[in-house]
Amino acid sequence: MTNTAAPDSTALPADIEAMSFEAALAELEGIVRQLEDGRGKLDEAISAYERGALLRRHCERKLGEANARIERITQQADGSLTATPVEIG
């Protein structure tokens, strides 16, 4: 039996890695519209789908990073403020 796993399934292309969340989401939305229209060649649709999957993964990472930075700021009885991570999900 041979191992067919991708060598590094976490790596993203440099152009995607450099994108902001908003830019990646906008491109992903464009790909979805293009695929929903169903126009174009099969090879182009497959390539667009693969790029869309990478963009989705990048967006999920960006959201995860943002989630990790969100904190709940609460005021204590003595007037001091404390920040604690917010559990989302």
PDB file of N, CA and C in Angstrom:
ATOM      1  N   MET A   1       0.849  -1.174   0.000  1.00  0.00           N
ATOM      2  CA  MET A   1       0.000   0.000   0.000  1.00  0.00           C
ATOM      3  C   MET A   1       0.895   1.237   0.000  1.00  0.00           C
ATOM      4  N   THR A   2       0.583   2.242  -0.831  1.00  0.00           N
ATOM      5  CA  THR A   2       1.383   3.450  -0.904  1.00  0.00           C
ATOM      6  C   THR A   2       0.674   4.597  -0.217  1.00  0.00           C
ATOM      7  N   ASN A   3       1.451   5.537   0.267  1.00  0.00           N
ATOM      8  CA  ASN A   3       0.901   6.719   0.922  1.00  0.00           C
ATOM      9  C   ASN A   3       0.655   7.791  -0.124  1.00  0.00           C
ATOM     10  N   THR A   4      -0.596   8.208  -0.288  1.00  0.00           N
ATOM     11  CA  THR A   4      -0.944   9.197  -1.302  1.00  0.00           C
ATOM     12  C   THR A   4      -1.275  10.553  -0.694  1.00  0.00           C
ATOM     13  N   ALA A   5      -0.900  10.768   0.554  1.00  0.00           N
ATOM     14  CA  ALA A   5      -1.196  12.039   1.206  1.00  0.00           C
ATOM     15  C   ALA A   5      -0.377  13.156   0.584  1.00  0.00           C
ATOM     16  N   ALA A   6      -0.926  14.351   0.580  1.00  0.00           N
ATOM     17  CA  ALA A   6      -0.210  15.516   0.070  1.00  0.00           C
ATOM     18  C   ALA A   6       0.993  15.789   0.948  1.00  0.00           C
ATOM     19  N   PRO A   7       2.122  16.245   0.366  1.00  0.00           N
ATOM     20  CA  PRO A   7       3.319  16.470   1.155  1.00  0.00           C
ATOM     21  C   PRO A   7       3.137  17.493   2.266  1.00  0.00           C
ATOM     22  N   ASP A   8       2.443  18.583   1.991  1.00  0.00           N
ATOM     23  CA  ASP A   8       2.196  19.591   3.028  1.00  0.00           C
ATOM     24  C   ASP A   8       0.824  20.180   2.792  1.00  0.00           C
ATOM     25  N   SER A   9      -0.188  19.571   3.384  1.00  0.00           N
ATOM     26  CA  SER A   9      -1.568  19.970   3.130  1.00  0.00           C
ATOM     27  C   SER A   9      -1.935  21.286   3.807  1.00  0.00           C
ATOM     28  N   THR A  10      -1.039  21.849   4.614  1.00  0.00           N
ATOM     29  CA  THR A  10      -1.351  23.112   5.279  1.00  0.00           C
ATOM     30  C   THR A  10      -0.800  24.312   4.522  1.00  0.00           C
ATOM     31  N   ALA A  11       0.090  24.085   3.575  1.00  0.00           N
ATOM     32  CA  ALA A  11       0.700  25.188   2.841  1.00  0.00           C
ATOM     33  C   ALA A  11      -0.295  25.791   1.852  1.00  0.00           C
ATOM     34  N   LEU A  12      -0.257  27.111   1.764  1.00  0.00           N
ATOM     35  CA  LEU A  12      -1.077  27.824   0.793  1.00  0.00           C
ATOM     36  C   LEU A  12      -0.153  28.550  -0.176  1.00  0.00           C
ATOM     37  N   PRO A  13      -0.596  28.769  -1.421  1.00  0.00           N
ATOM     38  CA  PRO A  13       0.218  29.550  -2.349  1.00  0.00           C
ATOM     39  C   PRO A  13       0.496  30.945  -1.768  1.00  0.00           C
ATOM     40  N   ALA A  14       1.659  31.479  -2.082  1.00  0.00           N
ATOM     41  CA  ALA A  14       2.087  32.763  -1.525  1.00  0.00           C
ATOM     42  C   ALA A  14       1.101  33.884  -1.837  1.00  0.00           C
ATOM     43  N   ASP A  15       0.514  33.873  -3.039  1.00  0.00           N
ATOM     44  CA  ASP A  15      -0.414  34.949  -3.381  1.00  0.00           C
ATOM     45  C   ASP A  15      -1.657  34.922  -2.501  1.00  0.00           C
ATOM     46  N   ILE A  16      -2.119  33.738  -2.157  1.00  0.00           N
ATOM     47  CA  ILE A  16      -3.286  33.623  -1.276  1.00  0.00           C
ATOM     48  C   ILE A  16      -2.895  33.970   0.154  1.00  0.00           C
ATOM     49  N   GLU A  17      -1.744  33.471   0.599  1.00  0.00           N
ATOM     50  CA  GLU A  17      -1.273  33.728   1.961  1.00  0.00           C
ATOM     51  C   GLU A  17      -1.152  35.230   2.230  1.00  0.00           C
ATOM     52  N   ALA A  18      -0.814  36.004   1.206  1.00  0.00           N
ATOM     53  CA  ALA A  18      -0.627  37.450   1.366  1.00  0.00           C
ATOM     54  C   ALA A  18      -1.942  38.228   1.343  1.00  0.00           C
ATOM     55  N   MET A  19      -3.041  37.577   0.994  1.00  0.00           N
ATOM     56  CA  MET A  19      -4.324  38.272   0.861  1.00  0.00           C
ATOM     57  C   MET A  19      -4.942  38.596   2.215  1.00  0.00           C
ATOM     58  N   SER A  20      -5.659  39.702   2.233  1.00  0.00           N
ATOM     59  CA  SER A  20      -6.478  40.007   3.403  1.00  0.00           C
ATOM     60  C   SER A  20      -7.703  39.096   3.373  1.00  0.00           C
ATOM     61  N   PHE A  21      -8.385  39.006   4.490  1.00  0.00           N
ATOM     62  CA  PHE A  21      -9.615  38.222   4.553  1.00  0.00           C
ATOM     63  C   PHE A  21     -10.608  38.730   3.515  1.00  0.00           C
ATOM     64  N   GLU A  22     -10.758  40.055   3.447  1.00  0.00           N
ATOM     65  CA  GLU A  22     -11.751  40.653   2.546  1.00  0.00           C
ATOM     66  C   GLU A  22     -11.442  40.357   1.081  1.00  0.00           C
ATOM     67  N   ALA A  23     -10.163  40.438   0.701  1.00  0.00           N
ATOM     68  CA  ALA A  23      -9.783  40.170  -0.686  1.00  0.00           C
ATOM     69  C   ALA A  23     -10.006  38.696  -1.032  1.00  0.00           C
ATOM     70  N   ALA A  24      -9.645  37.810  -0.112  1.00  0.00           N
ATOM     71  CA  ALA A  24      -9.836  36.382  -0.352  1.00  0.00           C
ATOM     72  C   ALA A  24     -11.316  36.040  -0.456  1.00  0.00           C
ATOM     73  N   LEU A  25     -12.125  36.627   0.412  1.00  0.00           N
ATOM     74  CA  LEU A  25     -13.559  36.364   0.375  1.00  0.00           C
ATOM     75  C   LEU A  25     -14.177  36.882  -0.919  1.00  0.00           C
ATOM     76  N   ALA A  26     -13.748  38.057  -1.371  1.00  0.00           N
ATOM     77  CA  ALA A  26     -14.280  38.609  -2.622  1.00  0.00           C
ATOM     78  C   ALA A  26     -13.934  37.708  -3.809  1.00  0.00           C
ATOM     79  N   GLU A  27     -12.702  37.211  -3.851  1.00  0.00           N
ATOM     80  CA  GLU A  27     -12.324  36.312  -4.941  1.00  0.00           C
ATOM     81  C   GLU A  27     -13.094  35.007  -4.850  1.00  0.00           C
ATOM     82  N   LEU A  28     -13.259  34.496  -3.643  1.00  0.00           N
ATOM     83  CA  LEU A  28     -14.019  33.257  -3.453  1.00  0.00           C
ATOM     84  C   LEU A  28     -15.462  33.426  -3.919  1.00  0.00           C
ATOM     85  N   GLU A  29     -16.070  34.554  -3.593  1.00  0.00           N
ATOM     86  CA  GLU A  29     -17.443  34.812  -4.046  1.00  0.00           C
ATOM     87  C   GLU A  29     -17.520  34.863  -5.565  1.00  0.00           C
ATOM     88  N   GLY A  30     -16.513  35.454  -6.199  1.00  0.00           N
ATOM     89  CA  GLY A  30     -16.472  35.495  -7.659  1.00  0.00           C
ATOM     90  C   GLY A  30     -16.370  34.101  -8.261  1.00  0.00           C
ATOM     91  N   ILE A  31     -15.562  33.255  -7.654  1.00  0.00           N
ATOM     92  CA  ILE A  31     -15.423  31.877  -8.129  1.00  0.00           C
ATOM     93  C   ILE A  31     -16.743  31.135  -7.985  1.00  0.00           C
ATOM     94  N   VAL A  32     -17.406  31.319  -6.867  1.00  0.00           N
ATOM     95  CA  VAL A  32     -18.696  30.651  -6.655  1.00  0.00           C
ATOM     96  C   VAL A  32     -19.693  31.079  -7.731  1.00  0.00           C
ATOM     97  N   ARG A  33     -19.759  32.379  -8.008  1.00  0.00           N
ATOM     98  CA  ARG A  33     -20.675  32.864  -9.059  1.00  0.00           C
ATOM     99  C   ARG A  33     -20.328  32.246 -10.413  1.00  0.00           C
ATOM    100  N   GLN A  34     -19.034  32.206 -10.712  1.00  0.00           N
ATOM    101  CA  GLN A  34     -18.575  31.638 -11.983  1.00  0.00           C
ATOM    102  C   GLN A  34     -18.966  30.163 -12.090  1.00  0.00           C
ATOM    103  N   LEU A  35     -18.769  29.415 -11.028  1.00  0.00           N
ATOM    104  CA  LEU A  35     -19.115  27.992 -11.059  1.00  0.00           C
ATOM    105  C   LEU A  35     -20.625  27.781 -11.122  1.00  0.00           C
ATOM    106  N   GLU A  36     -21.374  28.630 -10.442  1.00  0.00           N
ATOM    107  CA  GLU A  36     -22.836  28.516 -10.480  1.00  0.00           C
ATOM    108  C   GLU A  36     -23.383  28.812 -11.875  1.00  0.00           C
ATOM    109  N   ASP A  37     -22.726  29.721 -12.613  1.00  0.00           N
ATOM    110  CA  ASP A  37     -23.165  30.029 -13.976  1.00  0.00           C
ATOM    111  C   ASP A  37     -23.001  28.834 -14.902  1.00  0.00           C
ATOM    112  N   GLY A  38     -22.012  27.992 -14.591  1.00  0.00           N
ATOM    113  CA  GLY A  38     -21.823  26.781 -15.370  1.00  0.00           C
ATOM    114  C   GLY A  38     -21.263  26.997 -16.754  1.00  0.00           C
ATOM    115  N   ARG A  39     -20.779  28.191 -17.017  1.00  0.00           N
ATOM    116  CA  ARG A  39     -20.191  28.451 -18.331  1.00  0.00           C
ATOM    117  C   ARG A  39     -18.680  28.248 -18.242  1.00  0.00           C
ATOM    118  N   GLY A  40     -18.093  27.804 -19.304  1.00  0.00           N
ATOM    119  CA  GLY A  40     -16.656  27.599 -19.317  1.00  0.00           C
ATOM    120  C   GLY A  40     -16.315  26.135 -19.470  1.00  0.00           C
ATOM    121  N   LYS A  41     -15.016  25.904 -19.572  1.00  0.00           N
ATOM    122  CA  LYS A  41     -14.528  24.556 -19.796  1.00  0.00           C
ATOM    123  C   LYS A  41     -14.376  23.813 -18.478  1.00  0.00           C
ATOM    124  N   LEU A  42     -14.452  22.516 -18.560  1.00  0.00           N
ATOM    125  CA  LEU A  42     -14.353  21.662 -17.376  1.00  0.00           C
ATOM    126  C   LEU A  42     -13.028  21.876 -16.648  1.00  0.00           C
ATOM    127  N   ASP A  43     -11.924  21.920 -17.377  1.00  0.00           N
ATOM    128  CA  ASP A  43     -10.612  22.112 -16.749  1.00  0.00           C
ATOM    129  C   ASP A  43     -10.551  23.440 -15.993  1.00  0.00           C
ATOM    130  N   GLU A  44     -11.149  24.480 -16.559  1.00  0.00           N
ATOM    131  CA  GLU A  44     -11.173  25.786 -15.893  1.00  0.00           C
ATOM    132  C   GLU A  44     -12.021  25.730 -14.628  1.00  0.00           C
ATOM    133  N   ALA A  45     -13.127  25.009 -14.694  1.00  0.00           N
ATOM    134  CA  ALA A  45     -13.999  24.877 -13.520  1.00  0.00           C
ATOM    135  C   ALA A  45     -13.289  24.113 -12.407  1.00  0.00           C
ATOM    136  N   ILE A  46     -12.553  23.080 -12.766  1.00  0.00           N
ATOM    137  CA  ILE A  46     -11.816  22.310 -11.762  1.00  0.00           C
ATOM    138  C   ILE A  46     -10.740  23.172 -11.114  1.00  0.00           C
ATOM    139  N   SER A  47     -10.005  23.926 -11.920  1.00  0.00           N
ATOM    140  CA  SER A  47      -8.969  24.817 -11.385  1.00  0.00           C
ATOM    141  C   SER A  47      -9.580  25.888 -10.486  1.00  0.00           C
ATOM    142  N   ALA A  48     -10.715  26.433 -10.911  1.00  0.00           N
ATOM    143  CA  ALA A  48     -11.388  27.453 -10.100  1.00  0.00           C
ATOM    144  C   ALA A  48     -11.857  26.859  -8.777  1.00  0.00           C
ATOM    145  N   TYR A  49     -12.394  25.643  -8.823  1.00  0.00           N
ATOM    146  CA  TYR A  49     -12.844  24.969  -7.604  1.00  0.00           C
ATOM    147  C   TYR A  49     -11.671  24.747  -6.651  1.00  0.00           C
ATOM    148  N   GLU A  50     -10.551  24.283  -7.182  1.00  0.00           N
ATOM    149  CA  GLU A  50      -9.367  24.042  -6.347  1.00  0.00           C
ATOM    150  C   GLU A  50      -8.870  25.340  -5.709  1.00  0.00           C
ATOM    151  N   ARG A  51      -8.841  26.416  -6.483  1.00  0.00           N
ATOM    152  CA  ARG A  51      -8.425  27.713  -5.927  1.00  0.00           C
ATOM    153  C   ARG A  51      -9.438  28.168  -4.876  1.00  0.00           C
ATOM    154  N   GLY A  52     -10.707  27.954  -5.139  1.00  0.00           N
ATOM    155  CA  GLY A  52     -11.742  28.314  -4.170  1.00  0.00           C
ATOM    156  C   GLY A  52     -11.565  27.573  -2.858  1.00  0.00           C
ATOM    157  N   ALA A  53     -11.183  26.309  -2.921  1.00  0.00           N
ATOM    158  CA  ALA A  53     -10.949  25.537  -1.701  1.00  0.00           C
ATOM    159  C   ALA A  53      -9.787  26.119  -0.906  1.00  0.00           C
ATOM    160  N   LEU A  54      -8.736  26.565  -1.596  1.00  0.00           N
ATOM    161  CA  LEU A  54      -7.598  27.194  -0.921  1.00  0.00           C
ATOM    162  C   LEU A  54      -8.004  28.533  -0.307  1.00  0.00           C
ATOM    163  N   LEU A  55      -8.797  29.300  -1.043  1.00  0.00           N
ATOM    164  CA  LEU A  55      -9.269  30.590  -0.523  1.00  0.00           C
ATOM    165  C   LEU A  55     -10.148  30.388   0.707  1.00  0.00           C
ATOM    166  N   ARG A  56     -11.000  29.377   0.671  1.00  0.00           N
ATOM    167  CA  ARG A  56     -11.857  29.078   1.821  1.00  0.00           C
ATOM    168  C   ARG A  56     -11.008  28.746   3.033  1.00  0.00           C
ATOM    169  N   ARG A  57      -9.993  27.914   2.830  1.00  0.00           N
ATOM    170  CA  ARG A  57      -9.118  27.550   3.942  1.00  0.00           C
ATOM    171  C   ARG A  57      -8.395  28.775   4.501  1.00  0.00           C
ATOM    172  N   HIS A  58      -7.962  29.670   3.628  1.00  0.00           N
ATOM    173  CA  HIS A  58      -7.302  30.908   4.070  1.00  0.00           C
ATOM    174  C   HIS A  58      -8.274  31.764   4.880  1.00  0.00           C
ATOM    175  N   CYS A  59      -9.505  31.896   4.406  1.00  0.00           N
ATOM    176  CA  CYS A  59     -10.504  32.687   5.130  1.00  0.00           C
ATOM    177  C   CYS A  59     -10.780  32.073   6.507  1.00  0.00           C
ATOM    178  N   GLU A  60     -10.870  30.756   6.564  1.00  0.00           N
ATOM    179  CA  GLU A  60     -11.095  30.095   7.856  1.00  0.00           C
ATOM    180  C   GLU A  60      -9.943  30.355   8.819  1.00  0.00           C
ATOM    181  N   ARG A  61      -8.720  30.327   8.312  1.00  0.00           N
ATOM    182  CA  ARG A  61      -7.557  30.632   9.161  1.00  0.00           C
ATOM    183  C   ARG A  61      -7.614  32.062   9.677  1.00  0.00           C
ATOM    184  N   LYS A  62      -7.922  33.000   8.779  1.00  0.00           N
ATOM    185  CA  LYS A  62      -8.000  34.412   9.177  1.00  0.00           C
ATOM    186  C   LYS A  62      -9.069  34.608  10.246  1.00  0.00           C
ATOM    187  N   LEU A  63     -10.217  33.948  10.081  1.00  0.00           N
ATOM    188  CA  LEU A  63     -11.276  34.054  11.083  1.00  0.00           C
ATOM    189  C   LEU A  63     -10.832  33.442  12.409  1.00  0.00           C
ATOM    190  N   GLY A  64     -10.124  32.342  12.344  1.00  0.00           N
ATOM    191  CA  GLY A  64      -9.605  31.712  13.555  1.00  0.00           C
ATOM    192  C   GLY A  64      -8.628  32.616  14.289  1.00  0.00           C
ATOM    193  N   GLU A  65      -7.762  33.283  13.528  1.00  0.00           N
ATOM    194  CA  GLU A  65      -6.815  34.222  14.132  1.00  0.00           C
ATOM    195  C   GLU A  65      -7.550  35.388  14.788  1.00  0.00           C
ATOM    196  N   ALA A  66      -8.568  35.904  14.112  1.00  0.00           N
ATOM    197  CA  ALA A  66      -9.342  37.010  14.673  1.00  0.00           C
ATOM    198  C   ALA A  66     -10.078  36.561  15.923  1.00  0.00           C
ATOM    199  N   ASN A  67     -10.627  35.367  15.881  1.00  0.00           N
ATOM    200  CA  ASN A  67     -11.336  34.796  17.023  1.00  0.00           C
ATOM    201  C   ASN A  67     -10.422  34.715  18.241  1.00  0.00           C
ATOM    202  N   ALA A  68      -9.187  34.317  18.007  1.00  0.00           N
ATOM    203  CA  ALA A  68      -8.232  34.159  19.106  1.00  0.00           C
ATOM    204  C   ALA A  68      -7.886  35.509  19.752  1.00  0.00           C
ATOM    205  N   ARG A  69      -8.053  36.582  19.017  1.00  0.00           N
ATOM    206  CA  ARG A  69      -7.709  37.900  19.552  1.00  0.00           C
ATOM    207  C   ARG A  69      -8.876  38.594  20.248  1.00  0.00           C
ATOM    208  N   ILE A  70     -10.070  38.054  20.112  1.00  0.00           N
ATOM    209  CA  ILE A  70     -11.241  38.679  20.726  1.00  0.00           C
ATOM    210  C   ILE A  70     -11.227  38.429  22.224  1.00  0.00           C
ATOM    211  N   GLU A  71     -11.417  39.468  22.968  1.00  0.00           N
ATOM    212  CA  GLU A  71     -11.444  39.359  24.419  1.00  0.00           C
ATOM    213  C   GLU A  71     -12.677  40.084  24.964  1.00  0.00           C
ATOM    214  N   ARG A  72     -13.151  39.594  26.067  1.00  0.00           N
ATOM    215  CA  ARG A  72     -14.267  40.229  26.751  1.00  0.00           C
ATOM    216  C   ARG A  72     -13.679  41.131  27.829  1.00  0.00           C
ATOM    217  N   ILE A  73     -14.014  42.401  27.765  1.00  0.00           N
ATOM    218  CA  ILE A  73     -13.537  43.351  28.767  1.00  0.00           C
ATOM    219  C   ILE A  73     -14.666  43.571  29.765  1.00  0.00           C
ATOM    220  N   THR A  74     -14.369  43.319  31.020  1.00  0.00           N
ATOM    221  CA  THR A  74     -15.375  43.475  32.066  1.00  0.00           C
ATOM    222  C   THR A  74     -14.830  44.389  33.160  1.00  0.00           C
ATOM    223  N   GLN A  75     -15.747  45.108  33.747  1.00  0.00           N
ATOM    224  CA  GLN A  75     -15.376  45.985  34.851  1.00  0.00           C
ATOM    225  C   GLN A  75     -15.650  45.273  36.168  1.00  0.00           C
ATOM    226  N   GLN A  76     -14.644  45.259  37.017  1.00  0.00           N
ATOM    227  CA  GLN A  76     -14.744  44.615  38.321  1.00  0.00           C
ATOM    228  C   GLN A  76     -15.442  45.550  39.312  1.00  0.00           C
ATOM    229  N   ALA A  77     -15.820  45.023  40.461  1.00  0.00           N
ATOM    230  CA  ALA A  77     -16.508  45.802  41.491  1.00  0.00           C
ATOM    231  C   ALA A  77     -15.667  46.988  41.949  1.00  0.00           C
ATOM    232  N   ASP A  78     -14.339  46.820  41.932  1.00  0.00           N
ATOM    233  CA  ASP A  78     -13.466  47.906  42.379  1.00  0.00           C
ATOM    234  C   ASP A  78     -13.187  48.933  41.276  1.00  0.00           C
ATOM    235  N   GLY A  79     -13.786  48.736  40.096  1.00  0.00           N
ATOM    236  CA  GLY A  79     -13.619  49.681  38.997  1.00  0.00           C
ATOM    237  C   GLY A  79     -12.525  49.297  38.014  1.00  0.00           C
ATOM    238  N   SER A  80     -11.724  48.307  38.351  1.00  0.00           N
ATOM    239  CA  SER A  80     -10.661  47.885  37.434  1.00  0.00           C
ATOM    240  C   SER A  80     -11.253  47.086  36.270  1.00  0.00           C
ATOM    241  N   LEU A  81     -10.507  47.042  35.184  1.00  0.00           N
ATOM    242  CA  LEU A  81     -10.942  46.314  33.994  1.00  0.00           C
ATOM    243  C   LEU A  81     -10.115  45.050  33.843  1.00  0.00           C
ATOM    244  N   THR A  82     -10.752  43.996  33.417  1.00  0.00           N
ATOM    245  CA  THR A  82     -10.029  42.759  33.098  1.00  0.00           C
ATOM    246  C   THR A  82     -10.448  42.291  31.722  1.00  0.00           C
ATOM    247  N   ALA A  83      -9.528  41.632  31.045  1.00  0.00           N
ATOM    248  CA  ALA A  83      -9.803  41.099  29.715  1.00  0.00           C
ATOM    249  C   ALA A  83      -9.602  39.588  29.753  1.00  0.00           C
ATOM    250  N   THR A  84     -10.602  38.869  29.289  1.00  0.00           N
ATOM    251  CA  THR A  84     -10.511  37.408  29.218  1.00  0.00           C
ATOM    252  C   THR A  84     -10.920  36.963  27.818  1.00  0.00           C
ATOM    253  N   PRO A  85     -10.281  35.916  27.311  1.00  0.00           N
ATOM    254  CA  PRO A  85     -10.654  35.423  25.990  1.00  0.00           C
ATOM    255  C   PRO A  85     -12.121  35.004  25.958  1.00  0.00           C
ATOM    256  N   VAL A  86     -12.745  35.258  24.820  1.00  0.00           N
ATOM    257  CA  VAL A  86     -14.141  34.892  24.625  1.00  0.00           C
ATOM    258  C   VAL A  86     -14.194  33.542  23.923  1.00  0.00           C
ATOM    259  N   GLU A  87     -14.955  32.634  24.464  1.00  0.00           N
ATOM    260  CA  GLU A  87     -15.177  31.333  23.839  1.00  0.00           C
ATOM    261  C   GLU A  87     -16.306  31.481  22.825  1.00  0.00           C
ATOM    262  N   ILE A  88     -15.992  31.265  21.574  1.00  0.00           N
ATOM    263  CA  ILE A  88     -16.993  31.363  20.499  1.00  0.00           C
ATOM    264  C   ILE A  88     -17.081  30.003  19.831  1.00  0.00           C
ATOM    265  N   GLY A  89     -18.268  29.604  19.601  1.00  0.00           N
ATOM    266  CA  GLY A  89     -18.400  28.365  18.857  1.00  0.00           C
ATOM    267  C   GLY A  89     -19.118  27.367  19.606  1.00  0.00           C
TER     268      GLY A  89
END
